[in-house]
Amino acid sequence: MTAGTNGRVPVVLLHALALDSSMWDAQREALERRGHLVIAPDQRGFGGTPLGDGPPSLDTVADDLARELDGRGIERAVLAGVSMGGYAAMAFLRRHPGRALALALLSTRAEADDEAARTAREGFVALMADPVKGPAAIGSTAPLLVGATTRAERPQVLDRVRSVVAGAAPASLAWAQQAIAARADALDVLRATDIPAVVIVGEEDELVTEADTRAMVEALPQGRLVVVPRSGHLPPLEAPEATRAELDALLGELDSSSAEVGAR
C-alpha cells in the first residue's frame, strides 16, 4: 500500500452516472488536507477519460481502477462510490478481492436490475441514438438526481448538475447504462466483504429505495446505515459536509480496527 503523508491510507472516490470526478471535489480536498492520497478517476467515457473499445461491462470499469492503482503502486485502498460508482466499487470487490480496506456505498443498490429496470435502461439507450430526443432525455435526468430540498433551496447545485450532465456524451451514457443493466447481483460479494463499511442514502433520494439500502447494510458484516437529511441521490454535492463527516467516521473505524488487530 502506498500511503499519503503521515501514513494516511489511500482513498478512491468513484462518481455517479453522467457526472465526473469533480462531484467529489469538496471531499477530495478535505481528505487531501488530512494527508490522504485521493484517487478520483473520471470513469471511462466521462470527464477527461475516453470511452475506448470493448463491450459495456462494469468489470471493465473495475479493471480500469485496478490498473490505475497498480500504476501508482497501491495495493489496497478505501473505496467510496456513489450511484454508478457504487456499482463499480462492488464490481471491483468481486474482481479484485482483498484490495479494499474499507467501503462506502452511496445512493446505490446491490441487486441486479429486474426486468422493468432493464427495459427502462434499454429505452434510454435507444434514445441516445436520436439526435433530438437524446439530448432532451439527458437534460430531463438532472432534476431527478437531486432532492426536493436541493431543487427548492439550493438551485446552484442543480445548475451545476445540469451543466455536467449536459456535457455527457450520448455514446458514453449508452455504454454505461448497458453495463449497469448487465451487472450481476452483488449481495454475495457484500456478505464476503468483512471490512468497515457504511451505506449512505439521501432522505429524499427518488432513485434508490430504503429497502435497497437496508439489503446492503444487512449483507455487509460490518455495515451501518446513514440517512442524510435534505439530500437526494447525490449527497457529495447536496450535503458535502455530512458526506465528508461520514467518510471521516469510516476512516476512524478503519483506524480503530487496525489498532485492535495490531494489539492482538
C-alpha atoms as a PDB file:
ATOM      1  CA  MET A   1       0.000   0.000   0.000  1.00  0.00           C
ATOM      2  CA  THR A   2       1.293   3.452  -0.904  1.00  0.00           C
ATOM      3  CA  ALA A   3       0.152   5.913   1.743  1.00  0.00           C
ATOM      4  CA  GLY A   4      -0.281   9.663   1.651  1.00  0.00           C
ATOM      5  CA  THR A   5       1.518  11.963   4.041  1.00  0.00           C
ATOM      6  CA  ASN A   6       1.666  10.915   7.700  1.00  0.00           C
ATOM      7  CA  GLY A   7       0.962   7.328   6.632  1.00  0.00           C
ATOM      8  CA  ARG A   8      -2.671   8.045   5.745  1.00  0.00           C
ATOM      9  CA  VAL A   9      -4.444   5.355   3.711  1.00  0.00           C
ATOM     10  CA  PRO A  10      -5.294   5.978   0.039  1.00  0.00           C
ATOM     11  CA  VAL A  11      -8.936   6.757  -0.724  1.00  0.00           C
ATOM     12  CA  VAL A  12     -10.716   6.086  -4.033  1.00  0.00           C
ATOM     13  CA  LEU A  13     -13.766   8.214  -4.920  1.00  0.00           C
ATOM     14  CA  LEU A  14     -15.977   6.925  -7.766  1.00  0.00           C
ATOM     15  CA  HIS A  15     -18.534   9.228  -9.376  1.00  0.00           C
ATOM     16  CA  ALA A  16     -22.161   8.846 -10.419  1.00  0.00           C
ATOM     17  CA  LEU A  17     -23.558   8.199 -13.885  1.00  0.00           C
ATOM     18  CA  ALA A  18     -23.466  11.226 -16.224  1.00  0.00           C
ATOM     19  CA  LEU A  19     -21.216  13.161 -13.840  1.00  0.00           C
ATOM     20  CA  ASP A  20     -17.443  13.170 -13.397  1.00  0.00           C
ATOM     21  CA  SER A  21     -14.857  13.177 -10.647  1.00  0.00           C
ATOM     22  CA  SER A  22     -15.482  16.855  -9.868  1.00  0.00           C
ATOM     23  CA  MET A  23     -18.598  15.853  -7.934  1.00  0.00           C
ATOM     24  CA  TRP A  24     -16.217  14.729  -5.166  1.00  0.00           C
ATOM     25  CA  ASP A  25     -14.168  17.946  -5.069  1.00  0.00           C
ATOM     26  CA  ALA A  26     -15.234  19.023  -1.572  1.00  0.00           C
ATOM     27  CA  GLN A  27     -14.455  15.627  -0.037  1.00  0.00           C
ATOM     28  CA  ARG A  28     -11.274  15.158  -2.058  1.00  0.00           C
ATOM     29  CA  GLU A  29      -9.879  18.485  -0.895  1.00  0.00           C
ATOM     30  CA  ALA A  30     -10.748  17.748   2.736  1.00  0.00           C
ATOM     31  CA  LEU A  31      -9.133  14.309   2.591  1.00  0.00           C
ATOM     32  CA  GLU A  32      -6.011  15.666   0.936  1.00  0.00           C
ATOM     33  CA  ARG A  33      -5.690  18.321   3.631  1.00  0.00           C
ATOM     34  CA  ARG A  34      -5.619  15.481   6.149  1.00  0.00           C
ATOM     35  CA  GLY A  35      -2.789  13.815   4.265  1.00  0.00           C
ATOM     36  CA  HIS A  36      -4.670  11.130   2.311  1.00  0.00           C
ATOM     37  CA  LEU A  37      -3.694  10.220  -1.223  1.00  0.00           C
ATOM     38  CA  VAL A  38      -7.001  10.544  -3.105  1.00  0.00           C
ATOM     39  CA  ILE A  39      -7.696   8.815  -6.405  1.00  0.00           C
ATOM     40  CA  ALA A  40     -10.824  10.246  -8.035  1.00  0.00           C
ATOM     41  CA  PRO A  41     -10.820   8.977 -11.620  1.00  0.00           C
ATOM     42  CA  ASP A  42     -13.136  10.007 -14.403  1.00  0.00           C
ATOM     43  CA  GLN A  43     -14.648   6.667 -15.330  1.00  0.00           C
ATOM     44  CA  ARG A  44     -14.384   5.690 -18.977  1.00  0.00           C
ATOM     45  CA  GLY A  45     -16.409   7.925 -21.258  1.00  0.00           C
ATOM     46  CA  PHE A  46     -16.813  10.719 -18.713  1.00  0.00           C
ATOM     47  CA  GLY A  47     -14.809  13.804 -17.830  1.00  0.00           C
ATOM     48  CA  GLY A  48     -11.377  13.543 -19.383  1.00  0.00           C
ATOM     49  CA  THR A  49     -11.352   9.774 -19.947  1.00  0.00           C
ATOM     50  CA  PRO A  50     -12.125   8.385 -23.426  1.00  0.00           C
ATOM     51  CA  LEU A  51     -14.720   5.653 -23.779  1.00  0.00           C
ATOM     52  CA  GLY A  52     -12.364   3.311 -25.572  1.00  0.00           C
ATOM     53  CA  ASP A  53     -13.279  -0.015 -27.115  1.00  0.00           C
ATOM     54  CA  GLY A  54     -14.833  -3.148 -25.711  1.00  0.00           C
ATOM     55  CA  PRO A  55     -18.343  -4.231 -24.803  1.00  0.00           C
ATOM     56  CA  PRO A  56     -20.176  -2.487 -21.951  1.00  0.00           C
ATOM     57  CA  SER A  57     -19.217  -4.046 -18.620  1.00  0.00           C
ATOM     58  CA  LEU A  58     -18.666  -2.851 -15.070  1.00  0.00           C
ATOM     59  CA  ASP A  59     -15.901  -5.450 -14.896  1.00  0.00           C
ATOM     60  CA  THR A  60     -14.033  -3.279 -17.397  1.00  0.00           C
ATOM     61  CA  VAL A  61     -14.522  -0.229 -15.165  1.00  0.00           C
ATOM     62  CA  ALA A  62     -13.298  -2.228 -12.153  1.00  0.00           C
ATOM     63  CA  ASP A  63     -10.235  -3.396 -14.063  1.00  0.00           C
ATOM     64  CA  ASP A  64      -9.532   0.197 -15.160  1.00  0.00           C
ATOM     65  CA  LEU A  65      -9.381   1.131 -11.482  1.00  0.00           C
ATOM     66  CA  ALA A  66      -7.135  -1.817 -10.643  1.00  0.00           C
ATOM     67  CA  ARG A  67      -4.709  -0.747 -13.366  1.00  0.00           C
ATOM     68  CA  GLU A  68      -4.687   2.809 -12.061  1.00  0.00           C
ATOM     69  CA  LEU A  69      -3.930   1.615  -8.538  1.00  0.00           C
ATOM     70  CA  ASP A  70      -1.232  -0.728  -9.828  1.00  0.00           C
ATOM     71  CA  GLY A  71       0.326   2.137 -11.759  1.00  0.00           C
ATOM     72  CA  ARG A  72       0.559   4.151  -8.553  1.00  0.00           C
ATOM     73  CA  GLY A  73       1.954   1.243  -6.565  1.00  0.00           C
ATOM     74  CA  ILE A  74      -1.172   0.989  -4.419  1.00  0.00           C
ATOM     75  CA  GLU A  75      -2.185  -2.497  -3.313  1.00  0.00           C
ATOM     76  CA  ARG A  76      -5.127  -1.604  -1.042  1.00  0.00           C
ATOM     77  CA  ALA A  77      -7.324   1.462  -0.608  1.00  0.00           C
ATOM     78  CA  VAL A  78     -10.563   2.699   0.892  1.00  0.00           C
ATOM     79  CA  LEU A  79     -13.366   2.632  -1.719  1.00  0.00           C
ATOM     80  CA  ALA A  80     -16.249   5.116  -1.911  1.00  0.00           C
ATOM     81  CA  GLY A  81     -18.717   5.060  -4.785  1.00  0.00           C
ATOM     82  CA  VAL A  82     -21.945   6.919  -5.433  1.00  0.00           C
ATOM     83  CA  SER A  83     -24.682   5.535  -7.726  1.00  0.00           C
ATOM     84  CA  MET A  84     -22.835   4.070 -10.749  1.00  0.00           C
ATOM     85  CA  GLY A  85     -19.648   4.497  -8.736  1.00  0.00           C
ATOM     86  CA  GLY A  86     -21.151   2.132  -6.174  1.00  0.00           C
ATOM     87  CA  TYR A  87     -21.781  -0.451  -8.881  1.00  0.00           C
ATOM     88  CA  ALA A  88     -18.173  -0.051  -9.996  1.00  0.00           C
ATOM     89  CA  ALA A  89     -16.962  -0.443  -6.407  1.00  0.00           C
ATOM     90  CA  MET A  90     -18.901  -3.689  -5.995  1.00  0.00           C
ATOM     91  CA  ALA A  91     -17.539  -4.975  -9.305  1.00  0.00           C
ATOM     92  CA  PHE A  92     -14.056  -4.153  -8.007  1.00  0.00           C
ATOM     93  CA  LEU A  93     -14.747  -6.124  -4.817  1.00  0.00           C
ATOM     94  CA  ARG A  94     -15.731  -9.135  -6.919  1.00  0.00           C
ATOM     95  CA  ARG A  95     -12.893  -8.856  -9.436  1.00  0.00           C
ATOM     96  CA  HIS A  96     -10.138  -7.859  -7.020  1.00  0.00           C
ATOM     97  CA  PRO A  97     -10.933  -9.318  -3.605  1.00  0.00           C
ATOM     98  CA  GLY A  98      -8.860  -8.216  -0.668  1.00  0.00           C
ATOM     99  CA  ARG A  99      -7.842  -4.875  -2.130  1.00  0.00           C
ATOM    100  CA  ALA A 100     -10.428  -2.755  -0.298  1.00  0.00           C
ATOM    101  CA  LEU A 101      -9.573  -1.560   3.205  1.00  0.00           C
ATOM    102  CA  ALA A 102     -12.983  -0.022   3.918  1.00  0.00           C
ATOM    103  CA  LEU A 103     -16.111   0.683   1.891  1.00  0.00           C
ATOM    104  CA  ALA A 104     -18.637   3.500   1.476  1.00  0.00           C
ATOM    105  CA  LEU A 105     -21.596   2.872  -0.812  1.00  0.00           C
ATOM    106  CA  LEU A 106     -23.775   5.905  -1.530  1.00  0.00           C
ATOM    107  CA  SER A 107     -27.106   6.034  -3.363  1.00  0.00           C
ATOM    108  CA  THR A 108     -26.684   2.611  -4.952  1.00  0.00           C
ATOM    109  CA  ARG A 109     -28.043  -0.930  -4.780  1.00  0.00           C
ATOM    110  CA  ALA A 110     -26.534  -4.398  -4.786  1.00  0.00           C
ATOM    111  CA  GLU A 111     -29.318  -6.325  -6.506  1.00  0.00           C
ATOM    112  CA  ALA A 112     -29.266  -6.855 -10.250  1.00  0.00           C
ATOM    113  CA  ASP A 113     -31.851  -4.991 -12.307  1.00  0.00           C
ATOM    114  CA  ASP A 114     -35.261  -6.589 -12.590  1.00  0.00           C
ATOM    115  CA  GLU A 115     -36.982  -6.814 -15.964  1.00  0.00           C
ATOM    116  CA  ALA A 116     -38.674  -3.421 -15.612  1.00  0.00           C
ATOM    117  CA  ALA A 117     -35.399  -1.674 -14.783  1.00  0.00           C
ATOM    118  CA  ARG A 118     -33.564  -3.346 -17.671  1.00  0.00           C
ATOM    119  CA  THR A 119     -36.346  -2.346 -20.049  1.00  0.00           C
ATOM    120  CA  ALA A 120     -36.143   1.259 -18.867  1.00  0.00           C
ATOM    121  CA  ARG A 121     -32.383   1.305 -19.403  1.00  0.00           C
ATOM    122  CA  GLU A 122     -32.775  -0.201 -22.865  1.00  0.00           C
ATOM    123  CA  GLY A 123     -35.255   2.546 -23.706  1.00  0.00           C
ATOM    124  CA  PHE A 124     -32.774   5.191 -22.570  1.00  0.00           C
ATOM    125  CA  VAL A 125     -30.016   3.581 -24.641  1.00  0.00           C
ATOM    126  CA  ALA A 126     -32.261   3.694 -27.721  1.00  0.00           C
ATOM    127  CA  LEU A 127     -32.913   7.399 -27.155  1.00  0.00           C
ATOM    128  CA  MET A 128     -29.176   8.115 -27.128  1.00  0.00           C
ATOM    129  CA  ALA A 129     -29.061   7.339 -30.850  1.00  0.00           C
ATOM    130  CA  ASP A 130     -31.671  10.039 -31.606  1.00  0.00           C
ATOM    131  CA  PRO A 131     -30.100  13.481 -32.184  1.00  0.00           C
ATOM    132  CA  VAL A 132     -33.238  15.268 -30.950  1.00  0.00           C
ATOM    133  CA  LYS A 133     -34.713  13.026 -28.283  1.00  0.00           C
ATOM    134  CA  GLY A 134     -31.319  12.033 -26.881  1.00  0.00           C
ATOM    135  CA  PRO A 135     -30.287  15.461 -25.551  1.00  0.00           C
ATOM    136  CA  ALA A 136     -33.800  16.033 -24.213  1.00  0.00           C
ATOM    137  CA  ALA A 137     -33.672  12.744 -22.323  1.00  0.00           C
ATOM    138  CA  ILE A 138     -30.257  13.608 -20.906  1.00  0.00           C
ATOM    139  CA  GLY A 139     -31.470  17.015 -19.761  1.00  0.00           C
ATOM    140  CA  SER A 140     -34.532  15.560 -18.068  1.00  0.00           C
ATOM    141  CA  THR A 141     -32.439  13.351 -15.776  1.00  0.00           C
ATOM    142  CA  ALA A 142     -30.733  16.173 -13.860  1.00  0.00           C
ATOM    143  CA  PRO A 143     -33.678  17.174 -11.615  1.00  0.00           C
ATOM    144  CA  LEU A 144     -34.177  13.525 -10.626  1.00  0.00           C
ATOM    145  CA  LEU A 145     -30.633  13.336  -9.303  1.00  0.00           C
ATOM    146  CA  VAL A 146     -31.172  15.868  -6.529  1.00  0.00           C
ATOM    147  CA  GLY A 147     -33.746  16.025  -3.765  1.00  0.00           C
ATOM    148  CA  ALA A 148     -36.726  18.321  -3.350  1.00  0.00           C
ATOM    149  CA  THR A 149     -34.890  20.472  -0.817  1.00  0.00           C
ATOM    150  CA  THR A 150     -31.979  20.987  -3.187  1.00  0.00           C
ATOM    151  CA  ARG A 151     -34.311  21.884  -6.048  1.00  0.00           C
ATOM    152  CA  ALA A 152     -36.133  24.421  -3.853  1.00  0.00           C
ATOM    153  CA  GLU A 153     -33.344  25.875  -1.723  1.00  0.00           C
ATOM    154  CA  ARG A 154     -30.025  25.170  -3.476  1.00  0.00           C
ATOM    155  CA  PRO A 155     -30.647  25.875  -7.167  1.00  0.00           C
ATOM    156  CA  GLN A 156     -26.918  26.416  -7.735  1.00  0.00           C
ATOM    157  CA  VAL A 157     -26.351  22.717  -7.022  1.00  0.00           C
ATOM    158  CA  LEU A 158     -28.989  21.710  -9.562  1.00  0.00           C
ATOM    159  CA  ASP A 159     -27.468  24.151 -12.068  1.00  0.00           C
ATOM    160  CA  ARG A 160     -24.069  22.516 -11.566  1.00  0.00           C
ATOM    161  CA  VAL A 161     -25.540  19.047 -12.069  1.00  0.00           C
ATOM    162  CA  ARG A 162     -27.401  20.194 -15.194  1.00  0.00           C
ATOM    163  CA  SER A 163     -24.199  21.630 -16.644  1.00  0.00           C
ATOM    164  CA  VAL A 164     -22.134  18.476 -16.147  1.00  0.00           C
ATOM    165  CA  VAL A 165     -24.919  16.132 -17.274  1.00  0.00           C
ATOM    166  CA  ALA A 166     -25.491  18.196 -20.428  1.00  0.00           C
ATOM    167  CA  GLY A 167     -21.840  17.679 -21.345  1.00  0.00           C
ATOM    168  CA  ALA A 168     -22.008  13.894 -21.124  1.00  0.00           C
ATOM    169  CA  ALA A 169     -21.609  12.130 -24.468  1.00  0.00           C
ATOM    170  CA  PRO A 170     -24.663  10.082 -25.546  1.00  0.00           C
ATOM    171  CA  ALA A 171     -22.414   7.165 -26.547  1.00  0.00           C
ATOM    172  CA  SER A 172     -20.845   7.122 -23.075  1.00  0.00           C
ATOM    173  CA  LEU A 173     -24.228   7.235 -21.367  1.00  0.00           C
ATOM    174  CA  ALA A 174     -25.491   4.393 -23.553  1.00  0.00           C
ATOM    175  CA  TRP A 175     -22.386   2.291 -22.801  1.00  0.00           C
ATOM    176  CA  ALA A 176     -22.709   2.904 -19.064  1.00  0.00           C
ATOM    177  CA  GLN A 177     -26.427   2.106 -18.982  1.00  0.00           C
ATOM    178  CA  GLN A 178     -25.807  -1.158 -20.822  1.00  0.00           C
ATOM    179  CA  ALA A 179     -23.020  -2.029 -18.390  1.00  0.00           C
ATOM    180  CA  ILE A 180     -25.258  -1.308 -15.402  1.00  0.00           C
ATOM    181  CA  ALA A 181     -28.138  -3.325 -16.866  1.00  0.00           C
ATOM    182  CA  ALA A 182     -25.839  -6.336 -17.330  1.00  0.00           C
ATOM    183  CA  ARG A 183     -24.381  -6.286 -13.822  1.00  0.00           C
ATOM    184  CA  ALA A 184     -24.678  -9.309 -11.549  1.00  0.00           C
ATOM    185  CA  ASP A 185     -26.317  -9.320  -8.130  1.00  0.00           C
ATOM    186  CA  ALA A 186     -23.651  -8.267  -5.635  1.00  0.00           C
ATOM    187  CA  LEU A 187     -25.204  -9.217  -2.301  1.00  0.00           C
ATOM    188  CA  ASP A 188     -22.974 -12.299  -2.168  1.00  0.00           C
ATOM    189  CA  VAL A 189     -19.934 -10.076  -2.658  1.00  0.00           C
ATOM    190  CA  LEU A 190     -21.026  -7.811   0.188  1.00  0.00           C
ATOM    191  CA  ARG A 191     -21.576 -10.790   2.506  1.00  0.00           C
ATOM    192  CA  ALA A 192     -17.942 -11.757   1.922  1.00  0.00           C
ATOM    193  CA  THR A 193     -16.665  -8.207   2.467  1.00  0.00           C
ATOM    194  CA  ASP A 194     -15.763  -8.131   6.146  1.00  0.00           C
ATOM    195  CA  ILE A 195     -14.286  -4.649   6.395  1.00  0.00           C
ATOM    196  CA  PRO A 196     -15.525  -1.375   7.925  1.00  0.00           C
ATOM    197  CA  ALA A 197     -18.434  -0.278   5.741  1.00  0.00           C
ATOM    198  CA  VAL A 198     -21.092   2.413   5.589  1.00  0.00           C
ATOM    199  CA  VAL A 199     -24.130   2.621   3.323  1.00  0.00           C
ATOM    200  CA  ILE A 200     -25.320   6.177   2.770  1.00  0.00           C
ATOM    201  CA  VAL A 201     -28.616   7.284   1.245  1.00  0.00           C
ATOM    202  CA  GLY A 202     -30.249  10.667   0.902  1.00  0.00           C
ATOM    203  CA  GLU A 203     -33.507  11.088   2.771  1.00  0.00           C
ATOM    204  CA  GLU A 204     -35.049  12.484  -0.432  1.00  0.00           C
ATOM    205  CA  ASP A 205     -33.470  10.061  -2.924  1.00  0.00           C
ATOM    206  CA  GLU A 206     -36.013   9.368  -5.667  1.00  0.00           C
ATOM    207  CA  LEU A 207     -33.977   6.643  -7.376  1.00  0.00           C
ATOM    208  CA  VAL A 208     -32.894   4.308  -4.548  1.00  0.00           C
ATOM    209  CA  THR A 209     -35.352   2.883  -2.024  1.00  0.00           C
ATOM    210  CA  GLU A 210     -34.877   2.290   1.682  1.00  0.00           C
ATOM    211  CA  ALA A 211     -35.315  -1.449   1.035  1.00  0.00           C
ATOM    212  CA  ASP A 212     -32.417  -1.382  -1.450  1.00  0.00           C
ATOM    213  CA  THR A 213     -30.258   0.317   1.129  1.00  0.00           C
ATOM    214  CA  ARG A 214     -31.167  -1.946   4.038  1.00  0.00           C
ATOM    215  CA  ALA A 215     -30.442  -5.063   1.971  1.00  0.00           C
ATOM    216  CA  MET A 216     -26.836  -3.896   1.562  1.00  0.00           C
ATOM    217  CA  VAL A 217     -26.448  -2.999   5.234  1.00  0.00           C
ATOM    218  CA  GLU A 218     -27.756  -6.414   6.272  1.00  0.00           C
ATOM    219  CA  ALA A 219     -25.405  -8.170   3.835  1.00  0.00           C
ATOM    220  CA  LEU A 220     -22.254  -6.370   4.975  1.00  0.00           C
ATOM    221  CA  PRO A 221     -20.745  -7.979   8.112  1.00  0.00           C
ATOM    222  CA  GLN A 222     -19.655  -4.561   9.412  1.00  0.00           C
ATOM    223  CA  GLY A 223     -22.216  -2.449   7.594  1.00  0.00           C
ATOM    224  CA  ARG A 224     -24.043   0.505   9.091  1.00  0.00           C
ATOM    225  CA  LEU A 225     -26.712   2.763   7.614  1.00  0.00           C
ATOM    226  CA  VAL A 226     -26.639   6.549   7.383  1.00  0.00           C
ATOM    227  CA  VAL A 227     -29.614   8.545   6.076  1.00  0.00           C
ATOM    228  CA  VAL A 228     -28.607  12.074   5.069  1.00  0.00           C
ATOM    229  CA  PRO A 229     -31.347  14.642   5.729  1.00  0.00           C
ATOM    230  CA  ARG A 230     -32.380  17.076   2.979  1.00  0.00           C
ATOM    231  CA  SER A 231     -30.407  15.236   0.308  1.00  0.00           C
ATOM    232  CA  GLY A 232     -31.400  13.355  -2.800  1.00  0.00           C
ATOM    233  CA  HIS A 233     -29.318  10.994  -4.927  1.00  0.00           C
ATOM    234  CA  LEU A 234     -26.067  12.981  -4.759  1.00  0.00           C
ATOM    235  CA  PRO A 235     -25.023  13.533  -1.117  1.00  0.00           C
ATOM    236  CA  PRO A 236     -21.445  14.567  -2.023  1.00  0.00           C
ATOM    237  CA  LEU A 237     -22.896  17.600  -3.821  1.00  0.00           C
ATOM    238  CA  GLU A 238     -26.101  18.174  -1.850  1.00  0.00           C
ATOM    239  CA  ALA A 239     -24.701  17.579   1.637  1.00  0.00           C
ATOM    240  CA  PRO A 240     -20.922  17.888   1.255  1.00  0.00           C
ATOM    241  CA  GLU A 241     -20.156  18.369   4.938  1.00  0.00           C
ATOM    242  CA  ALA A 242     -22.320  15.453   6.047  1.00  0.00           C
ATOM    243  CA  THR A 243     -20.692  13.248   3.412  1.00  0.00           C
ATOM    244  CA  ARG A 244     -17.232  14.343   4.495  1.00  0.00           C
ATOM    245  CA  ALA A 245     -18.099  13.611   8.129  1.00  0.00           C
ATOM    246  CA  GLU A 246     -19.245  10.084   7.259  1.00  0.00           C
ATOM    247  CA  LEU A 247     -16.061   9.388   5.310  1.00  0.00           C
ATOM    248  CA  ASP A 248     -14.071  10.652   8.291  1.00  0.00           C
ATOM    249  CA  ALA A 249     -16.061   8.331  10.566  1.00  0.00           C
ATOM    250  CA  LEU A 250     -15.375   5.375   8.261  1.00  0.00           C
ATOM    251  CA  LEU A 251     -11.663   6.148   8.267  1.00  0.00           C
ATOM    252  CA  GLY A 252     -11.826   6.355  12.060  1.00  0.00           C
ATOM    253  CA  GLU A 253     -13.410   2.895  12.159  1.00  0.00           C
ATOM    254  CA  LEU A 254     -10.589   1.608   9.965  1.00  0.00           C
ATOM    255  CA  ASP A 255      -8.009   3.129  12.294  1.00  0.00           C
ATOM    256  CA  SER A 256      -9.702   1.525  15.303  1.00  0.00           C
ATOM    257  CA  SER A 257      -9.976  -1.837  13.567  1.00  0.00           C
ATOM    258  CA  SER A 258      -6.293  -1.754  12.602  1.00  0.00           C
ATOM    259  CA  ALA A 259      -5.303  -0.852  16.153  1.00  0.00           C
ATOM    260  CA  GLU A 260      -7.312  -3.764  17.551  1.00  0.00           C
ATOM    261  CA  VAL A 261      -5.694  -6.198  15.123  1.00  0.00           C
ATOM    262  CA  GLY A 262      -2.262  -4.861  15.978  1.00  0.00           C
ATOM    263  CA  ALA A 263      -2.912  -5.279  19.703  1.00  0.00           C
ATOM    264  CA  ARG A 264      -3.796  -8.959  19.465  1.00  0.00           C
END
